[in-house]
């Protein structure tokens, strides 16, 4: 097993930030805005840059670590007691609990790094539960 050092700034420079992210975003557009930095446990470490709404996602096999590298986003997590809405800016880190639906809304744009377990489930329903 080789140890790999990743230059995050170099990887970010290769991305095409996604504007107007939403339900109509194509696979090709999303692929150009995100990069896999390294495998991690049962998933990977990813970076991405986008503006718009990510839609809902959840990770049934583990918690997701989210770090905001640049910009800002609202992260909504659906909990047993209702939606929890967090405003995250550059430098913030949050752990999204396993199997909780969550979504990002970055009206002015955000760059994120995540340690995301796989598989990931996606939904653009108003309430994915």
N, C-alpha and C. Protein backbone atom coordinates (compact mmCIF):
# COMPACT_ATOMS: atom_id res chain seq x y z
N UNK A 1 0.84 -1.18 0.00
CA UNK A 1 0.00 0.00 0.00
C UNK A 1 0.89 1.25 0.00
N UNK A 2 0.72 2.10 -1.01
CA UNK A 2 1.47 3.35 -1.07
C UNK A 2 0.69 4.47 -0.41
N UNK A 3 1.43 5.33 0.24
CA UNK A 3 0.80 6.50 0.86
C UNK A 3 0.77 7.59 -0.19
N UNK A 4 -0.41 8.19 -0.36
CA UNK A 4 -0.61 9.20 -1.40
C UNK A 4 -0.82 10.56 -0.74
N UNK A 5 -0.06 11.55 -1.18
CA UNK A 5 -0.25 12.92 -0.74
C UNK A 5 -1.04 13.63 -1.83
N UNK A 6 -2.11 14.31 -1.44
CA UNK A 6 -2.98 15.00 -2.39
C UNK A 6 -2.83 16.50 -2.20
N UNK A 7 -2.58 17.22 -3.28
CA UNK A 7 -2.55 18.68 -3.24
C UNK A 7 -3.96 19.17 -3.54
N UNK A 8 -4.67 19.56 -2.50
CA UNK A 8 -6.08 19.93 -2.64
C UNK A 8 -6.24 21.13 -3.57
N UNK A 9 -5.37 22.11 -3.48
CA UNK A 9 -5.48 23.29 -4.35
C UNK A 9 -5.32 22.92 -5.82
N UNK A 10 -4.42 22.00 -6.13
CA UNK A 10 -4.26 21.55 -7.52
C UNK A 10 -5.52 20.84 -7.99
N UNK A 11 -6.09 20.01 -7.16
CA UNK A 11 -7.32 19.30 -7.53
C UNK A 11 -8.47 20.27 -7.72
N UNK A 12 -8.58 21.27 -6.86
CA UNK A 12 -9.64 22.26 -6.99
C UNK A 12 -9.49 23.07 -8.28
N UNK A 13 -8.27 23.36 -8.67
CA UNK A 13 -8.02 24.15 -9.89
C UNK A 13 -8.49 23.40 -11.14
N UNK A 14 -8.58 22.09 -11.08
CA UNK A 14 -9.01 21.28 -12.22
C UNK A 14 -10.54 21.26 -12.37
N UNK A 15 -11.25 21.69 -11.35
CA UNK A 15 -12.71 21.59 -11.36
C UNK A 15 -13.34 22.73 -12.15
N UNK A 16 -14.53 22.46 -12.67
CA UNK A 16 -15.37 23.48 -13.28
C UNK A 16 -16.54 23.70 -12.32
N UNK A 17 -16.48 24.77 -11.51
CA UNK A 17 -17.56 24.98 -10.54
C UNK A 17 -18.93 24.96 -11.21
N UNK A 18 -19.85 24.32 -10.55
CA UNK A 18 -21.20 24.12 -11.07
C UNK A 18 -22.10 25.26 -10.62
N UNK A 19 -22.71 25.97 -11.57
CA UNK A 19 -23.65 27.03 -11.22
C UNK A 19 -25.06 26.53 -11.50
N UNK A 20 -25.97 26.96 -10.66
CA UNK A 20 -27.36 26.54 -10.83
C UNK A 20 -27.59 25.07 -10.58
N UNK A 21 -26.85 24.50 -9.63
CA UNK A 21 -27.03 23.07 -9.33
C UNK A 21 -28.46 22.81 -8.89
N UNK A 22 -29.03 21.73 -9.41
CA UNK A 22 -30.40 21.38 -9.06
C UNK A 22 -30.81 20.09 -9.72
N UNK A 23 -32.10 19.86 -9.78
CA UNK A 23 -32.66 18.61 -10.29
C UNK A 23 -32.24 18.33 -11.73
N UNK A 24 -32.07 19.39 -12.53
CA UNK A 24 -31.74 19.21 -13.96
C UNK A 24 -30.24 19.09 -14.23
N UNK A 25 -29.41 19.14 -13.21
CA UNK A 25 -27.96 19.02 -13.40
C UNK A 25 -27.62 17.65 -13.98
N UNK A 26 -26.83 17.67 -15.04
CA UNK A 26 -26.46 16.40 -15.69
C UNK A 26 -25.31 15.73 -14.95
N UNK A 27 -25.15 14.45 -15.22
CA UNK A 27 -24.03 13.68 -14.63
C UNK A 27 -22.69 14.30 -15.04
N UNK A 28 -22.58 14.73 -16.30
CA UNK A 28 -21.34 15.32 -16.79
C UNK A 28 -21.02 16.63 -16.07
N UNK A 29 -22.03 17.46 -15.84
CA UNK A 29 -21.81 18.72 -15.12
C UNK A 29 -21.35 18.44 -13.69
N UNK A 30 -21.99 17.51 -13.04
CA UNK A 30 -21.62 17.16 -11.67
C UNK A 30 -20.21 16.58 -11.61
N UNK A 31 -19.88 15.73 -12.56
CA UNK A 31 -18.56 15.11 -12.59
C UNK A 31 -17.46 16.15 -12.76
N UNK A 32 -17.73 17.21 -13.53
CA UNK A 32 -16.73 18.25 -13.76
C UNK A 32 -16.52 19.14 -12.53
N UNK A 33 -17.50 19.16 -11.62
CA UNK A 33 -17.45 20.03 -10.45
C UNK A 33 -16.94 19.34 -9.20
N UNK A 34 -16.76 18.02 -9.26
CA UNK A 34 -16.34 17.24 -8.09
C UNK A 34 -15.16 16.35 -8.45
N UNK A 35 -14.31 16.09 -7.45
CA UNK A 35 -13.17 15.19 -7.65
C UNK A 35 -13.04 14.26 -6.46
N UNK A 36 -12.62 13.05 -6.72
CA UNK A 36 -12.31 12.09 -5.66
C UNK A 36 -10.84 12.24 -5.32
N UNK A 37 -10.55 12.59 -4.07
CA UNK A 37 -9.16 12.81 -3.67
C UNK A 37 -8.47 11.53 -3.25
N UNK A 38 -9.19 10.68 -2.52
CA UNK A 38 -8.57 9.45 -2.01
C UNK A 38 -9.65 8.53 -1.47
N UNK A 39 -9.41 7.21 -1.55
CA UNK A 39 -10.34 6.30 -0.88
C UNK A 39 -10.24 6.49 0.63
N UNK A 40 -11.36 6.28 1.31
CA UNK A 40 -11.38 6.42 2.76
C UNK A 40 -12.44 5.49 3.32
N UNK A 41 -12.03 4.55 4.16
CA UNK A 41 -12.91 3.56 4.77
C UNK A 41 -13.81 2.94 3.71
N UNK A 42 -15.14 3.07 3.85
CA UNK A 42 -16.05 2.46 2.88
C UNK A 42 -16.55 3.47 1.86
N UNK A 43 -15.79 4.53 1.64
CA UNK A 43 -16.15 5.57 0.68
C UNK A 43 -14.92 6.28 0.18
N UNK A 44 -14.97 7.62 0.20
CA UNK A 44 -13.84 8.39 -0.31
C UNK A 44 -13.88 9.80 0.25
N UNK A 45 -12.77 10.51 0.04
CA UNK A 45 -12.70 11.94 0.33
C UNK A 45 -12.91 12.65 -1.00
N UNK A 46 -13.86 13.58 -1.00
CA UNK A 46 -14.23 14.31 -2.22
C UNK A 46 -14.07 15.81 -2.00
N UNK A 47 -13.87 16.55 -3.09
CA UNK A 47 -13.99 18.01 -3.09
C UNK A 47 -14.94 18.39 -4.21
N UNK A 48 -15.62 19.50 -4.02
CA UNK A 48 -16.53 19.99 -5.04
C UNK A 48 -16.79 21.46 -4.87
N UNK A 49 -17.15 22.11 -5.98
CA UNK A 49 -17.48 23.53 -5.96
C UNK A 49 -18.78 23.71 -6.72
N UNK A 50 -19.76 24.33 -6.07
CA UNK A 50 -21.05 24.51 -6.72
C UNK A 50 -21.82 25.68 -6.13
N UNK A 51 -22.80 26.11 -6.88
CA UNK A 51 -23.78 27.11 -6.45
C UNK A 51 -25.13 26.50 -6.74
N UNK A 52 -26.05 26.58 -5.79
CA UNK A 52 -27.37 26.03 -5.99
C UNK A 52 -27.73 25.02 -4.93
N UNK A 53 -28.68 24.14 -5.27
CA UNK A 53 -29.28 23.18 -4.35
C UNK A 53 -28.80 21.77 -4.69
N UNK A 54 -28.24 21.08 -3.70
CA UNK A 54 -27.71 19.73 -3.94
C UNK A 54 -28.79 18.66 -4.05
N UNK A 55 -30.00 18.96 -3.59
CA UNK A 55 -30.98 17.89 -3.44
C UNK A 55 -30.65 17.12 -2.17
N UNK A 56 -31.55 16.25 -1.77
CA UNK A 56 -31.35 15.47 -0.54
C UNK A 56 -30.43 14.29 -0.80
N UNK A 57 -29.66 13.93 0.21
CA UNK A 57 -28.84 12.73 0.17
C UNK A 57 -28.74 12.15 1.57
N UNK A 58 -28.45 10.85 1.62
CA UNK A 58 -28.16 10.21 2.91
C UNK A 58 -27.21 9.06 2.67
N UNK A 59 -26.54 8.67 3.77
CA UNK A 59 -25.50 7.64 3.71
C UNK A 59 -25.82 6.59 4.77
N UNK A 60 -26.44 5.47 4.36
CA UNK A 60 -26.90 4.48 5.33
C UNK A 60 -25.78 3.72 6.04
N UNK A 61 -24.54 3.80 5.54
CA UNK A 61 -23.47 2.99 6.15
C UNK A 61 -22.54 3.76 7.08
N UNK A 62 -22.73 5.08 7.21
CA UNK A 62 -21.83 5.80 8.11
C UNK A 62 -22.05 7.30 8.12
N UNK A 63 -21.42 7.95 9.09
CA UNK A 63 -21.44 9.40 9.19
C UNK A 63 -20.65 10.02 8.04
N UNK A 64 -21.00 11.26 7.68
CA UNK A 64 -20.26 12.00 6.66
C UNK A 64 -19.62 13.21 7.30
N UNK A 65 -18.34 13.41 7.05
CA UNK A 65 -17.64 14.60 7.53
C UNK A 65 -17.67 15.63 6.41
N UNK A 66 -18.10 16.85 6.75
CA UNK A 66 -18.19 17.94 5.77
C UNK A 66 -17.33 19.10 6.28
N UNK A 67 -16.43 19.59 5.43
CA UNK A 67 -15.64 20.78 5.76
C UNK A 67 -15.85 21.80 4.65
N UNK A 68 -16.13 23.04 5.03
CA UNK A 68 -16.30 24.12 4.06
C UNK A 68 -14.93 24.75 3.84
N UNK A 69 -14.46 24.70 2.59
CA UNK A 69 -13.16 25.26 2.26
C UNK A 69 -13.26 26.73 1.84
N UNK A 70 -14.37 27.08 1.17
CA UNK A 70 -14.55 28.45 0.69
C UNK A 70 -16.04 28.70 0.50
N UNK A 71 -16.45 29.95 0.64
CA UNK A 71 -17.85 30.30 0.42
C UNK A 71 -18.70 29.95 1.63
N UNK A 72 -19.99 29.75 1.35
CA UNK A 72 -20.95 29.48 2.43
C UNK A 72 -22.09 28.63 1.89
N UNK A 73 -22.74 27.92 2.81
CA UNK A 73 -23.88 27.09 2.46
C UNK A 73 -24.80 26.95 3.66
N UNK A 74 -26.05 26.68 3.39
CA UNK A 74 -26.98 26.25 4.42
C UNK A 74 -27.09 24.74 4.30
N UNK A 75 -26.88 24.04 5.39
CA UNK A 75 -27.00 22.59 5.41
C UNK A 75 -28.22 22.25 6.26
N UNK A 76 -29.19 21.59 5.64
CA UNK A 76 -30.39 21.17 6.36
C UNK A 76 -30.31 19.66 6.58
N UNK A 77 -30.45 19.24 7.83
CA UNK A 77 -30.41 17.83 8.20
C UNK A 77 -31.77 17.48 8.80
N UNK A 78 -32.43 16.46 8.27
CA UNK A 78 -33.70 16.02 8.82
C UNK A 78 -33.44 15.10 10.00
N UNK A 79 -33.91 15.52 11.19
CA UNK A 79 -33.71 14.73 12.41
C UNK A 79 -35.07 14.26 12.92
N UNK A 80 -35.05 13.43 13.92
CA UNK A 80 -36.30 12.92 14.51
C UNK A 80 -37.16 14.05 15.11
N UNK A 81 -36.53 15.15 15.49
CA UNK A 81 -37.26 16.27 16.08
C UNK A 81 -37.56 17.37 15.08
N UNK A 82 -37.23 17.15 13.82
CA UNK A 82 -37.50 18.14 12.78
C UNK A 82 -36.23 18.55 12.06
N UNK A 83 -36.35 19.45 11.08
CA UNK A 83 -35.18 19.88 10.33
C UNK A 83 -34.24 20.71 11.21
N UNK A 84 -32.95 20.45 11.08
CA UNK A 84 -31.94 21.26 11.73
C UNK A 84 -31.21 22.00 10.62
N UNK A 85 -31.24 23.33 10.66
CA UNK A 85 -30.66 24.16 9.61
C UNK A 85 -29.39 24.82 10.15
N UNK A 86 -28.28 24.54 9.48
CA UNK A 86 -26.98 25.06 9.90
C UNK A 86 -26.43 25.98 8.82
N UNK A 87 -25.92 27.13 9.21
CA UNK A 87 -25.23 28.01 8.28
C UNK A 87 -23.74 27.76 8.44
N UNK A 88 -23.10 27.35 7.36
CA UNK A 88 -21.68 26.99 7.39
C UNK A 88 -20.90 27.92 6.48
N UNK A 89 -19.77 28.41 6.97
CA UNK A 89 -18.88 29.25 6.17
C UNK A 89 -17.48 28.64 6.18
N UNK A 90 -16.60 29.23 5.38
CA UNK A 90 -15.24 28.72 5.24
C UNK A 90 -14.61 28.46 6.61
N UNK A 91 -14.05 27.27 6.75
CA UNK A 91 -13.42 26.86 8.00
C UNK A 91 -14.31 25.99 8.88
N UNK A 92 -15.61 25.94 8.59
CA UNK A 92 -16.53 25.14 9.40
C UNK A 92 -16.42 23.66 9.07
N UNK A 93 -16.65 22.84 10.07
CA UNK A 93 -16.67 21.39 9.92
C UNK A 93 -17.87 20.87 10.68
N UNK A 94 -18.57 19.89 10.08
CA UNK A 94 -19.72 19.28 10.73
C UNK A 94 -19.74 17.79 10.37
N UNK A 95 -20.26 16.99 11.27
CA UNK A 95 -20.46 15.57 11.01
C UNK A 95 -21.96 15.34 10.84
N UNK A 96 -22.35 14.84 9.67
CA UNK A 96 -23.74 14.50 9.41
C UNK A 96 -23.95 13.05 9.85
N UNK A 97 -24.88 12.82 10.78
CA UNK A 97 -25.07 11.45 11.28
C UNK A 97 -25.53 10.47 10.20
N UNK A 98 -25.10 9.24 10.36
CA UNK A 98 -25.46 8.14 9.46
C UNK A 98 -26.97 8.10 9.25
N UNK A 99 -27.35 7.87 8.00
CA UNK A 99 -28.74 7.61 7.61
C UNK A 99 -29.68 8.80 7.83
N UNK A 100 -29.14 10.02 7.86
CA UNK A 100 -29.96 11.22 7.97
C UNK A 100 -29.99 11.94 6.62
N UNK A 101 -31.20 12.20 6.12
CA UNK A 101 -31.33 12.98 4.90
C UNK A 101 -30.80 14.39 5.16
N UNK A 102 -30.03 14.92 4.20
CA UNK A 102 -29.49 16.27 4.31
C UNK A 102 -29.29 16.86 2.92
N UNK A 103 -29.25 18.20 2.88
CA UNK A 103 -29.01 18.88 1.60
C UNK A 103 -28.30 20.20 1.84
N UNK A 104 -27.60 20.63 0.79
CA UNK A 104 -26.88 21.89 0.81
C UNK A 104 -27.59 22.88 -0.09
N UNK A 105 -27.65 24.13 0.34
CA UNK A 105 -28.12 25.19 -0.52
C UNK A 105 -27.10 26.31 -0.43
N UNK A 106 -26.41 26.53 -1.53
CA UNK A 106 -25.34 27.52 -1.59
C UNK A 106 -25.70 28.55 -2.64
N UNK A 107 -26.47 29.56 -2.24
CA UNK A 107 -26.95 30.53 -3.22
C UNK A 107 -25.82 31.35 -3.84
N UNK A 108 -24.74 31.57 -3.10
CA UNK A 108 -23.62 32.35 -3.64
C UNK A 108 -22.40 31.49 -3.97
N UNK A 109 -22.48 30.19 -3.75
CA UNK A 109 -21.38 29.28 -4.08
C UNK A 109 -20.62 28.80 -2.86
N UNK A 110 -20.15 27.57 -2.96
CA UNK A 110 -19.41 26.95 -1.87
C UNK A 110 -18.41 25.94 -2.45
N UNK A 111 -17.31 25.77 -1.74
CA UNK A 111 -16.36 24.71 -2.04
C UNK A 111 -16.28 23.84 -0.79
N UNK A 112 -16.55 22.54 -0.98
CA UNK A 112 -16.61 21.62 0.15
C UNK A 112 -15.63 20.47 -0.02
N UNK A 113 -15.21 19.92 1.12
CA UNK A 113 -14.46 18.67 1.14
C UNK A 113 -15.22 17.76 2.08
N UNK A 114 -15.46 16.52 1.65
CA UNK A 114 -16.22 15.58 2.46
C UNK A 114 -15.51 14.24 2.53
N UNK A 115 -15.72 13.55 3.62
CA UNK A 115 -15.37 12.13 3.74
C UNK A 115 -16.72 11.43 3.76
N UNK A 116 -17.06 10.82 2.63
CA UNK A 116 -18.41 10.33 2.40
C UNK A 116 -18.45 8.82 2.26
N UNK A 117 -19.20 8.15 3.14
CA UNK A 117 -19.36 6.70 2.99
C UNK A 117 -20.27 6.39 1.80
N UNK A 118 -20.08 5.24 1.24
CA UNK A 118 -20.92 4.81 0.11
C UNK A 118 -21.71 3.58 0.53
N UNK A 119 -22.87 3.36 -0.02
CA UNK A 119 -23.47 4.13 -1.10
C UNK A 119 -24.14 5.39 -0.57
N UNK A 120 -24.47 6.28 -1.52
CA UNK A 120 -25.22 7.49 -1.23
C UNK A 120 -26.57 7.39 -1.91
N UNK A 121 -27.63 7.68 -1.18
CA UNK A 121 -28.98 7.74 -1.76
C UNK A 121 -29.30 9.20 -2.04
N UNK A 122 -30.01 9.47 -3.16
CA UNK A 122 -30.35 10.83 -3.57
C UNK A 122 -31.85 10.97 -3.77
N UNK A 123 -32.36 12.20 -3.53
CA UNK A 123 -33.77 12.49 -3.78
C UNK A 123 -33.95 14.00 -3.97
N UNK A 124 -34.84 14.36 -4.90
CA UNK A 124 -35.23 15.76 -5.06
C UNK A 124 -36.67 15.97 -4.62
N UNK A 125 -37.22 15.03 -3.87
CA UNK A 125 -38.57 15.18 -3.31
C UNK A 125 -38.57 16.31 -2.28
N UNK A 126 -39.73 16.90 -2.05
CA UNK A 126 -39.81 17.94 -1.02
C UNK A 126 -39.42 17.37 0.34
N UNK A 127 -39.90 16.18 0.64
CA UNK A 127 -39.55 15.47 1.86
C UNK A 127 -39.16 14.05 1.46
N UNK A 128 -37.88 13.73 1.48
CA UNK A 128 -37.42 12.41 0.97
C UNK A 128 -37.76 11.23 1.86
N UNK A 129 -38.24 11.49 3.06
CA UNK A 129 -38.53 10.38 3.99
C UNK A 129 -39.76 9.64 3.52
